[in-house]
Amino acid sequence: MRIKLDENLPTRLAGMLANLGHDTDTVYTEGLSSAVDPVVWKAAQDADRFFVTQDLDFSDVRAFKPGTHHGVLLVRLRVPSRLALARKVEAIFKSEDVESWNRCFVVATDHKIRVRRP
């Protein structure tokens, strides 16, 4: 899976996901840190990448309707420490059929994952 990690996620996740076989880049490595959300979103879409973030600006399923993009995973943890985020995202990519999430809107919390498909 081709993935772009938002700047609000630990950069070490890129290596973790690459070790699981995913082609992963980050907003940081592309020089897009502090860029406005529409610029970051466009970069992810132009590169055909599934976008992983914890930014609530990407939480409106009407604005990010399944089927209209390459996919987004919104991670919402009660205590989003860098370590907790890294562990949660790594666990998701190890245990879930993430390849089936292409063009989906996905929300992951501490206890569940909700997938909205096109």
Protein backbone atom coordinates (compact mmCIF):
# COMPACT_ATOMS: atom_id res chain seq x y z
CA MET A 1 0.00 0.00 0.00
CA ARG A 2 1.19 3.53 -0.77
CA ILE A 3 0.90 5.63 2.40
CA LYS A 4 1.50 9.24 3.40
CA LEU A 5 1.83 10.03 7.09
CA ASP A 6 0.73 13.43 8.34
CA GLU A 7 3.15 15.51 10.39
CA ASN A 8 1.13 14.87 13.57
CA LEU A 9 2.22 11.22 13.61
CA PRO A 10 5.59 9.86 14.78
CA THR A 11 8.11 9.77 11.93
CA ARG A 12 9.31 6.35 13.11
CA LEU A 13 6.02 4.97 11.76
CA ALA A 14 7.41 5.34 8.23
CA GLY A 15 10.07 2.74 8.98
CA MET A 16 7.65 0.48 10.84
CA LEU A 17 5.19 0.48 7.95
CA ALA A 18 7.99 0.05 5.39
CA ASN A 19 9.09 -3.05 7.32
CA LEU A 20 5.56 -4.38 6.82
CA GLY A 21 5.94 -3.93 3.07
CA HIS A 22 4.26 -0.56 2.58
CA ASP A 23 5.62 2.26 0.42
CA THR A 24 5.51 5.03 3.02
CA ASP A 25 6.42 8.69 2.92
CA THR A 26 5.74 11.54 5.30
CA VAL A 27 4.66 15.15 5.13
CA TYR A 28 7.93 15.99 6.89
CA THR A 29 10.22 14.26 4.37
CA GLU A 30 8.40 15.96 1.50
CA GLY A 31 9.08 19.38 3.03
CA LEU A 32 5.39 20.00 3.67
CA SER A 33 5.61 20.54 7.43
CA SER A 34 3.33 23.39 8.47
CA ALA A 35 1.66 23.41 5.06
CA VAL A 36 -2.07 24.07 5.09
CA ASP A 37 -4.33 21.02 5.01
CA PRO A 38 -5.47 21.42 1.38
CA VAL A 39 -1.83 21.39 0.21
CA VAL A 40 -1.05 18.26 2.25
CA TRP A 41 -4.22 16.53 1.03
CA LYS A 42 -3.47 17.39 -2.61
CA ALA A 43 0.07 16.02 -2.27
CA ALA A 44 -1.29 12.74 -0.90
CA GLN A 45 -3.89 12.47 -3.64
CA ASP A 46 -1.50 13.46 -6.45
CA ALA A 47 0.86 10.69 -5.29
CA ASP A 48 -1.99 8.12 -5.08
CA ARG A 49 -1.36 7.63 -1.35
CA PHE A 50 -3.58 6.50 1.51
CA PHE A 51 -3.41 9.34 4.04
CA VAL A 52 -2.96 8.65 7.77
CA THR A 53 -3.59 11.50 10.22
CA GLN A 54 -5.03 12.44 13.57
CA ASP A 55 -6.09 15.91 12.37
CA LEU A 56 -9.80 16.51 12.93
CA ASP A 57 -9.88 18.76 9.88
CA PHE A 58 -10.05 15.49 7.95
CA SER A 59 -12.92 14.06 10.02
CA ASP A 60 -15.90 15.18 7.93
CA VAL A 61 -17.00 12.11 5.98
CA ARG A 62 -19.13 14.37 3.75
CA ALA A 63 -16.04 16.35 2.69
CA PHE A 64 -13.95 13.18 2.34
CA LYS A 65 -16.64 10.94 0.89
CA PRO A 66 -15.49 7.35 0.34
CA GLY A 67 -14.64 6.69 -3.28
CA THR A 68 -13.56 10.27 -4.01
CA HIS A 69 -9.97 9.86 -2.80
CA HIS A 70 -7.25 7.25 -2.27
CA GLY A 71 -8.26 6.67 1.34
CA VAL A 72 -7.83 8.23 4.74
CA LEU A 73 -7.26 6.79 8.20
CA LEU A 74 -8.14 9.15 11.04
CA VAL A 75 -6.57 7.96 14.30
CA ARG A 76 -8.34 9.21 17.44
CA LEU A 77 -6.83 8.01 20.71
CA ARG A 78 -7.88 9.15 24.17
CA VAL A 79 -4.22 9.73 25.11
CA PRO A 80 -2.35 10.27 21.81
CA SER A 81 1.25 10.10 22.97
CA ARG A 82 3.87 9.49 20.28
CA LEU A 83 4.42 5.96 21.58
CA ALA A 84 0.69 5.17 21.76
CA LEU A 85 0.15 6.47 18.22
CA ALA A 86 3.06 4.45 16.84
CA ARG A 87 1.88 1.28 18.57
CA LYS A 88 -1.74 1.72 17.50
CA VAL A 89 -1.01 2.43 13.84
CA GLU A 90 1.51 -0.40 13.64
CA ALA A 91 -0.99 -2.80 15.26
CA ILE A 92 -3.69 -1.74 12.79
CA PHE A 93 -1.45 -2.35 9.80
CA LYS A 94 -0.39 -5.73 11.20
CA SER A 95 -3.86 -7.03 12.07
CA GLU A 96 -6.34 -5.47 9.63
CA ASP A 97 -6.89 -6.01 5.91
CA VAL A 98 -5.70 -2.48 5.14
CA GLU A 99 -5.26 -3.27 1.44
CA SER A 100 -9.07 -3.38 1.23
CA TRP A 101 -9.25 0.21 2.53
CA ASN A 102 -8.35 1.80 -0.79
CA ARG A 103 -10.74 4.73 -1.37
CA CYS A 104 -12.27 4.28 2.12
CA PHE A 105 -12.77 6.65 5.04
CA VAL A 106 -11.52 4.89 8.18
CA VAL A 107 -11.63 6.01 11.81
CA ALA A 108 -9.63 4.16 14.46
CA THR A 109 -10.11 4.74 18.17
CA ASP A 110 -8.68 3.00 21.21
CA HIS A 111 -11.29 0.24 20.96
CA LYS A 112 -12.66 0.02 17.43
CA ILE A 113 -12.17 0.68 13.75
CA ARG A 114 -14.95 1.99 11.54
CA VAL A 115 -14.57 1.63 7.77
CA ARG A 116 -16.82 3.52 5.37
CA ARG A 117 -16.56 2.10 1.89
CA PRO A 118 -17.51 3.65 -1.46
